[in-house]
Amino acid sequence: MKRVFSLGFLLLVFFSCDKNTVKPAIVEMQIADHQQDCMGVAPQKCLLVKVDNDTSWQLFYGNIEGFSYEAGFEYKLLVKREKIDNPPADSSDLRYSLVKVVEKNKT
């Protein structure tokens, strides 16, 4: 009986884990020296970013808490990325916050 209960408990724990969750992580972001026009809810300017080992620039629609972008500079940042429970319908389910500016170079 004890063995059946233990197996049942382990199966419950295993199947109740959400495999699509993003664990908080520190990621390295490279920020381009200019922004690009993009379309979110309305036309806006997006940062161009490379995350960790990306080889091509990606549009970044959100913001990085604690980071103030200045055109004409390339940045290398350490950023904390974490999942947001119940985000607003028109925003990302990820939150980004600045940990450290590693480099800031004038272009």
N, C-alpha and C. Protein backbone atom coordinates (compact mmCIF):
# COMPACT_ATOMS: atom_id res chain seq x y z
N MET A 1 0.84 -1.20 0.00
CA MET A 1 0.00 0.00 0.00
C MET A 1 0.88 1.25 0.00
N LYS A 2 1.92 1.25 0.83
CA LYS A 2 2.81 2.40 0.92
C LYS A 2 3.49 2.66 -0.42
N ARG A 3 3.89 1.59 -1.11
CA ARG A 3 4.55 1.71 -2.39
C ARG A 3 3.59 2.29 -3.44
N VAL A 4 2.34 1.89 -3.45
CA VAL A 4 1.35 2.42 -4.39
C VAL A 4 1.12 3.90 -4.14
N PHE A 5 1.03 4.30 -2.88
CA PHE A 5 0.85 5.71 -2.53
C PHE A 5 2.04 6.54 -3.01
N SER A 6 3.24 6.04 -2.76
CA SER A 6 4.45 6.76 -3.17
C SER A 6 4.51 6.93 -4.67
N LEU A 7 4.20 5.87 -5.42
CA LEU A 7 4.20 5.94 -6.87
C LEU A 7 3.15 6.92 -7.36
N GLY A 8 1.97 6.88 -6.76
CA GLY A 8 0.90 7.81 -7.13
C GLY A 8 1.29 9.26 -6.87
N PHE A 9 1.92 9.52 -5.74
CA PHE A 9 2.36 10.87 -5.40
C PHE A 9 3.41 11.35 -6.40
N LEU A 10 4.37 10.50 -6.74
CA LEU A 10 5.40 10.88 -7.71
C LEU A 10 4.80 11.18 -9.09
N LEU A 11 3.84 10.36 -9.51
CA LEU A 11 3.18 10.61 -10.80
C LEU A 11 2.41 11.92 -10.78
N LEU A 12 1.74 12.22 -9.67
CA LEU A 12 1.00 13.47 -9.53
C LEU A 12 1.95 14.66 -9.64
N VAL A 13 3.05 14.62 -8.95
CA VAL A 13 4.03 15.70 -8.99
C VAL A 13 4.59 15.86 -10.40
N PHE A 14 4.94 14.75 -11.03
CA PHE A 14 5.53 14.79 -12.37
C PHE A 14 4.56 15.39 -13.39
N PHE A 15 3.31 14.95 -13.41
CA PHE A 15 2.37 15.42 -14.40
C PHE A 15 1.79 16.79 -14.09
N SER A 16 1.92 17.27 -12.88
CA SER A 16 1.41 18.60 -12.55
C SER A 16 2.41 19.70 -12.86
N CYS A 17 3.65 19.35 -13.19
CA CYS A 17 4.65 20.36 -13.54
C CYS A 17 4.36 20.91 -14.91
N ASP A 18 4.42 22.21 -15.04
CA ASP A 18 4.21 22.87 -16.33
C ASP A 18 5.55 22.91 -17.06
N LYS A 19 5.63 22.19 -18.16
CA LYS A 19 6.88 22.11 -18.89
C LYS A 19 7.12 23.35 -19.74
N ASN A 20 6.14 24.25 -19.87
CA ASN A 20 6.29 25.45 -20.68
C ASN A 20 6.68 26.67 -19.87
N THR A 21 6.99 26.51 -18.61
CA THR A 21 7.36 27.65 -17.80
C THR A 21 8.78 28.08 -18.09
N VAL A 22 9.03 29.36 -17.94
CA VAL A 22 10.37 29.89 -18.09
C VAL A 22 10.88 30.20 -16.70
N LYS A 23 11.94 29.54 -16.32
CA LYS A 23 12.53 29.80 -15.01
C LYS A 23 13.29 31.12 -15.07
N PRO A 24 13.29 31.89 -14.00
CA PRO A 24 14.09 33.13 -14.00
C PRO A 24 15.53 32.80 -14.39
N ALA A 25 16.05 33.63 -15.27
CA ALA A 25 17.41 33.39 -15.76
C ALA A 25 18.09 34.72 -16.05
N ILE A 26 19.40 34.72 -15.97
CA ILE A 26 20.19 35.87 -16.38
C ILE A 26 20.65 35.59 -17.81
N VAL A 27 20.29 36.48 -18.73
CA VAL A 27 20.68 36.33 -20.12
C VAL A 27 21.55 37.51 -20.54
N GLU A 28 22.38 37.27 -21.54
CA GLU A 28 23.20 38.34 -22.09
C GLU A 28 22.47 38.89 -23.31
N MET A 29 22.32 40.22 -23.36
CA MET A 29 21.66 40.86 -24.49
C MET A 29 22.60 41.85 -25.13
N GLN A 30 22.68 41.79 -26.44
CA GLN A 30 23.41 42.79 -27.20
C GLN A 30 22.35 43.69 -27.83
N ILE A 31 22.49 45.01 -27.67
CA ILE A 31 21.52 45.97 -28.17
C ILE A 31 22.18 46.77 -29.29
N ALA A 32 21.52 46.88 -30.44
CA ALA A 32 22.05 47.63 -31.59
C ALA A 32 22.05 49.12 -31.30
N ASP A 33 22.79 49.86 -32.11
CA ASP A 33 22.95 51.31 -31.93
C ASP A 33 21.78 52.12 -32.47
N HIS A 34 20.79 51.46 -33.04
CA HIS A 34 19.61 52.16 -33.57
C HIS A 34 18.37 51.29 -33.33
N GLN A 35 17.22 51.93 -33.40
CA GLN A 35 15.96 51.22 -33.28
C GLN A 35 15.35 51.04 -34.66
N GLN A 36 14.33 50.20 -34.75
CA GLN A 36 13.67 49.95 -36.02
C GLN A 36 12.18 50.11 -35.85
N ASP A 37 11.52 50.63 -36.90
CA ASP A 37 10.07 50.72 -36.88
C ASP A 37 9.49 49.31 -36.79
N CYS A 38 8.46 49.17 -35.97
CA CYS A 38 7.78 47.88 -35.84
C CYS A 38 6.32 48.14 -35.50
N MET A 39 5.52 47.09 -35.55
CA MET A 39 4.09 47.23 -35.31
C MET A 39 3.68 46.34 -34.15
N GLY A 40 3.29 46.97 -33.05
CA GLY A 40 2.73 46.25 -31.90
C GLY A 40 1.23 46.49 -31.94
N VAL A 41 0.68 46.99 -30.85
CA VAL A 41 -0.72 47.41 -30.84
C VAL A 41 -0.88 48.60 -31.78
N ALA A 42 0.17 49.41 -31.87
CA ALA A 42 0.23 50.56 -32.76
C ALA A 42 1.66 50.64 -33.28
N PRO A 43 1.90 51.47 -34.32
CA PRO A 43 3.29 51.62 -34.78
C PRO A 43 4.17 52.13 -33.64
N GLN A 44 5.39 51.60 -33.58
CA GLN A 44 6.31 51.98 -32.52
C GLN A 44 7.74 51.75 -32.98
N LYS A 45 8.70 52.08 -32.14
CA LYS A 45 10.11 51.79 -32.39
C LYS A 45 10.50 50.63 -31.49
N CYS A 46 11.22 49.66 -32.05
CA CYS A 46 11.67 48.50 -31.29
C CYS A 46 13.19 48.48 -31.23
N LEU A 47 13.71 47.97 -30.12
CA LEU A 47 15.13 47.71 -30.02
C LEU A 47 15.46 46.52 -30.91
N LEU A 48 16.67 46.50 -31.41
CA LEU A 48 17.20 45.33 -32.11
C LEU A 48 18.13 44.63 -31.13
N VAL A 49 17.87 43.35 -30.87
CA VAL A 49 18.63 42.63 -29.84
C VAL A 49 19.12 41.28 -30.35
N LYS A 50 20.19 40.83 -29.74
CA LYS A 50 20.67 39.46 -29.86
C LYS A 50 20.74 38.94 -28.43
N VAL A 51 20.13 37.80 -28.19
CA VAL A 51 20.11 37.21 -26.85
C VAL A 51 21.04 36.00 -26.82
N ASP A 52 21.91 35.98 -25.81
CA ASP A 52 22.89 34.91 -25.64
C ASP A 52 23.69 34.72 -26.93
N ASN A 53 23.54 33.60 -27.60
CA ASN A 53 24.37 33.31 -28.77
C ASN A 53 23.65 33.51 -30.10
N ASP A 54 22.59 34.33 -30.14
CA ASP A 54 21.91 34.61 -31.40
C ASP A 54 22.91 35.18 -32.40
N THR A 55 22.70 34.87 -33.67
CA THR A 55 23.58 35.41 -34.71
C THR A 55 22.89 36.50 -35.52
N SER A 56 21.58 36.62 -35.41
CA SER A 56 20.88 37.67 -36.15
C SER A 56 20.06 38.54 -35.20
N TRP A 57 19.84 39.77 -35.61
CA TRP A 57 19.09 40.73 -34.80
C TRP A 57 17.61 40.36 -34.79
N GLN A 58 16.98 40.54 -33.64
CA GLN A 58 15.55 40.30 -33.47
C GLN A 58 14.90 41.58 -32.94
N LEU A 59 13.66 41.82 -33.33
CA LEU A 59 12.92 42.97 -32.79
C LEU A 59 12.54 42.67 -31.35
N PHE A 60 12.72 43.65 -30.48
CA PHE A 60 12.36 43.53 -29.07
C PHE A 60 11.27 44.56 -28.79
N TYR A 61 10.04 44.10 -28.57
CA TYR A 61 8.87 44.96 -28.45
C TYR A 61 8.70 45.54 -27.05
N GLY A 62 9.27 44.92 -26.07
CA GLY A 62 9.05 45.33 -24.69
C GLY A 62 10.05 46.36 -24.20
N ASN A 63 10.19 46.40 -22.91
CA ASN A 63 11.20 47.28 -22.32
C ASN A 63 12.01 46.47 -21.31
N ILE A 64 13.14 47.03 -20.95
CA ILE A 64 14.01 46.42 -19.96
C ILE A 64 14.01 47.35 -18.76
N GLU A 65 13.39 46.91 -17.67
CA GLU A 65 13.28 47.75 -16.47
C GLU A 65 14.67 48.16 -16.00
N GLY A 66 14.86 49.45 -15.75
CA GLY A 66 16.13 49.96 -15.25
C GLY A 66 17.13 50.32 -16.33
N PHE A 67 16.77 50.13 -17.61
CA PHE A 67 17.68 50.41 -18.73
C PHE A 67 17.17 51.60 -19.52
N SER A 68 18.04 52.58 -19.77
CA SER A 68 17.70 53.74 -20.59
C SER A 68 18.52 53.67 -21.87
N TYR A 69 17.84 53.43 -22.97
CA TYR A 69 18.49 53.32 -24.27
C TYR A 69 18.89 54.70 -24.78
N GLU A 70 20.08 54.78 -25.37
CA GLU A 70 20.55 56.02 -25.98
C GLU A 70 21.03 55.67 -27.39
N ALA A 71 20.38 56.26 -28.41
CA ALA A 71 20.73 56.00 -29.80
C ALA A 71 22.20 56.33 -30.04
N GLY A 72 22.84 55.57 -30.94
CA GLY A 72 24.24 55.80 -31.27
C GLY A 72 25.21 55.00 -30.43
N PHE A 73 24.69 54.20 -29.52
CA PHE A 73 25.53 53.35 -28.67
C PHE A 73 25.09 51.89 -28.82
N GLU A 74 26.07 50.99 -28.89
CA GLU A 74 25.78 49.56 -28.79
C GLU A 74 26.02 49.15 -27.35
N TYR A 75 25.19 48.26 -26.87
CA TYR A 75 25.26 47.82 -25.48
C TYR A 75 25.42 46.31 -25.41
N LYS A 76 26.07 45.87 -24.38
CA LYS A 76 26.04 44.47 -23.95
C LYS A 76 25.54 44.51 -22.52
N LEU A 77 24.44 43.81 -22.26
CA LEU A 77 23.78 43.85 -20.96
C LEU A 77 23.65 42.46 -20.37
N LEU A 78 23.60 42.40 -19.06
CA LEU A 78 23.11 41.21 -18.37
C LEU A 78 21.71 41.57 -17.89
N VAL A 79 20.76 40.73 -18.23
CA VAL A 79 19.35 41.02 -17.98
C VAL A 79 18.69 39.81 -17.32
N LYS A 80 17.87 40.07 -16.33
CA LYS A 80 17.10 39.00 -15.70
C LYS A 80 15.80 38.85 -16.46
N ARG A 81 15.51 37.63 -16.91
CA ARG A 81 14.28 37.32 -17.64
C ARG A 81 13.44 36.39 -16.77
N GLU A 82 12.19 36.79 -16.52
CA GLU A 82 11.32 35.95 -15.70
C GLU A 82 9.90 35.96 -16.23
N LYS A 83 9.21 34.88 -15.97
CA LYS A 83 7.83 34.69 -16.41
C LYS A 83 6.89 35.51 -15.55
N ILE A 84 5.89 36.13 -16.17
CA ILE A 84 4.85 36.87 -15.47
C ILE A 84 3.58 36.03 -15.47
N ASP A 85 3.01 35.83 -14.31
CA ASP A 85 1.72 35.15 -14.22
C ASP A 85 0.63 36.14 -14.56
N ASN A 86 -0.30 35.77 -15.39
CA ASN A 86 -1.46 36.58 -15.77
C ASN A 86 -1.07 37.96 -16.32
N PRO A 87 -0.29 38.01 -17.41
CA PRO A 87 0.08 39.32 -17.98
C PRO A 87 -1.12 39.95 -18.67
N PRO A 88 -1.09 41.28 -18.87
CA PRO A 88 -2.16 41.92 -19.65
C PRO A 88 -2.23 41.30 -21.04
N ALA A 89 -3.41 41.32 -21.63
CA ALA A 89 -3.63 40.66 -22.92
C ALA A 89 -2.75 41.21 -24.03
N ASP A 90 -2.37 42.47 -23.97
CA ASP A 90 -1.60 43.07 -25.06
C ASP A 90 -0.11 43.18 -24.76
N SER A 91 0.40 42.38 -23.82
CA SER A 91 1.83 42.45 -23.51
C SER A 91 2.43 41.05 -23.37
N SER A 92 3.74 41.02 -23.26
CA SER A 92 4.48 39.77 -23.16
C SER A 92 4.26 39.10 -21.81
N ASP A 93 4.47 37.80 -21.77
CA ASP A 93 4.40 37.08 -20.50
C ASP A 93 5.78 36.97 -19.86
N LEU A 94 6.75 37.75 -20.40
CA LEU A 94 8.10 37.78 -19.84
C LEU A 94 8.44 39.19 -19.38
N ARG A 95 9.14 39.28 -18.27
CA ARG A 95 9.62 40.56 -17.74
C ARG A 95 11.14 40.56 -17.83
N TYR A 96 11.68 41.68 -18.28
CA TYR A 96 13.13 41.84 -18.38
C TYR A 96 13.55 42.98 -17.47
N SER A 97 14.59 42.77 -16.68
CA SER A 97 15.10 43.84 -15.82
C SER A 97 16.63 43.83 -15.86
N LEU A 98 17.19 45.03 -15.90
CA LEU A 98 18.63 45.19 -16.02
C LEU A 98 19.33 44.69 -14.77
N VAL A 99 20.37 43.88 -14.98
CA VAL A 99 21.25 43.46 -13.90
C VAL A 99 22.52 44.29 -13.95
N LYS A 100 23.10 44.42 -15.18
CA LYS A 100 24.37 45.13 -15.31
C LYS A 100 24.59 45.55 -16.76
N VAL A 101 25.12 46.77 -16.96
CA VAL A 101 25.60 47.18 -18.27
C VAL A 101 27.06 46.72 -18.34
N VAL A 102 27.32 45.75 -19.21
CA VAL A 102 28.66 45.19 -19.34
C VAL A 102 29.51 46.09 -20.23
N GLU A 103 28.93 46.55 -21.35
CA GLU A 103 29.64 47.43 -22.28
C GLU A 103 28.67 48.46 -22.84
N LYS A 104 29.19 49.65 -23.13
CA LYS A 104 28.45 50.70 -23.82
C LYS A 104 29.46 51.37 -24.74
N ASN A 105 29.29 51.18 -26.06
CA ASN A 105 30.25 51.67 -27.03
C ASN A 105 29.60 52.60 -28.04
N LYS A 106 30.20 53.78 -28.24
CA LYS A 106 29.74 54.75 -29.23
C LYS A 106 30.05 54.21 -30.61
N THR A 107 29.09 54.32 -31.54
CA THR A 107 29.31 53.85 -32.90
C THR A 107 29.50 55.00 -33.86
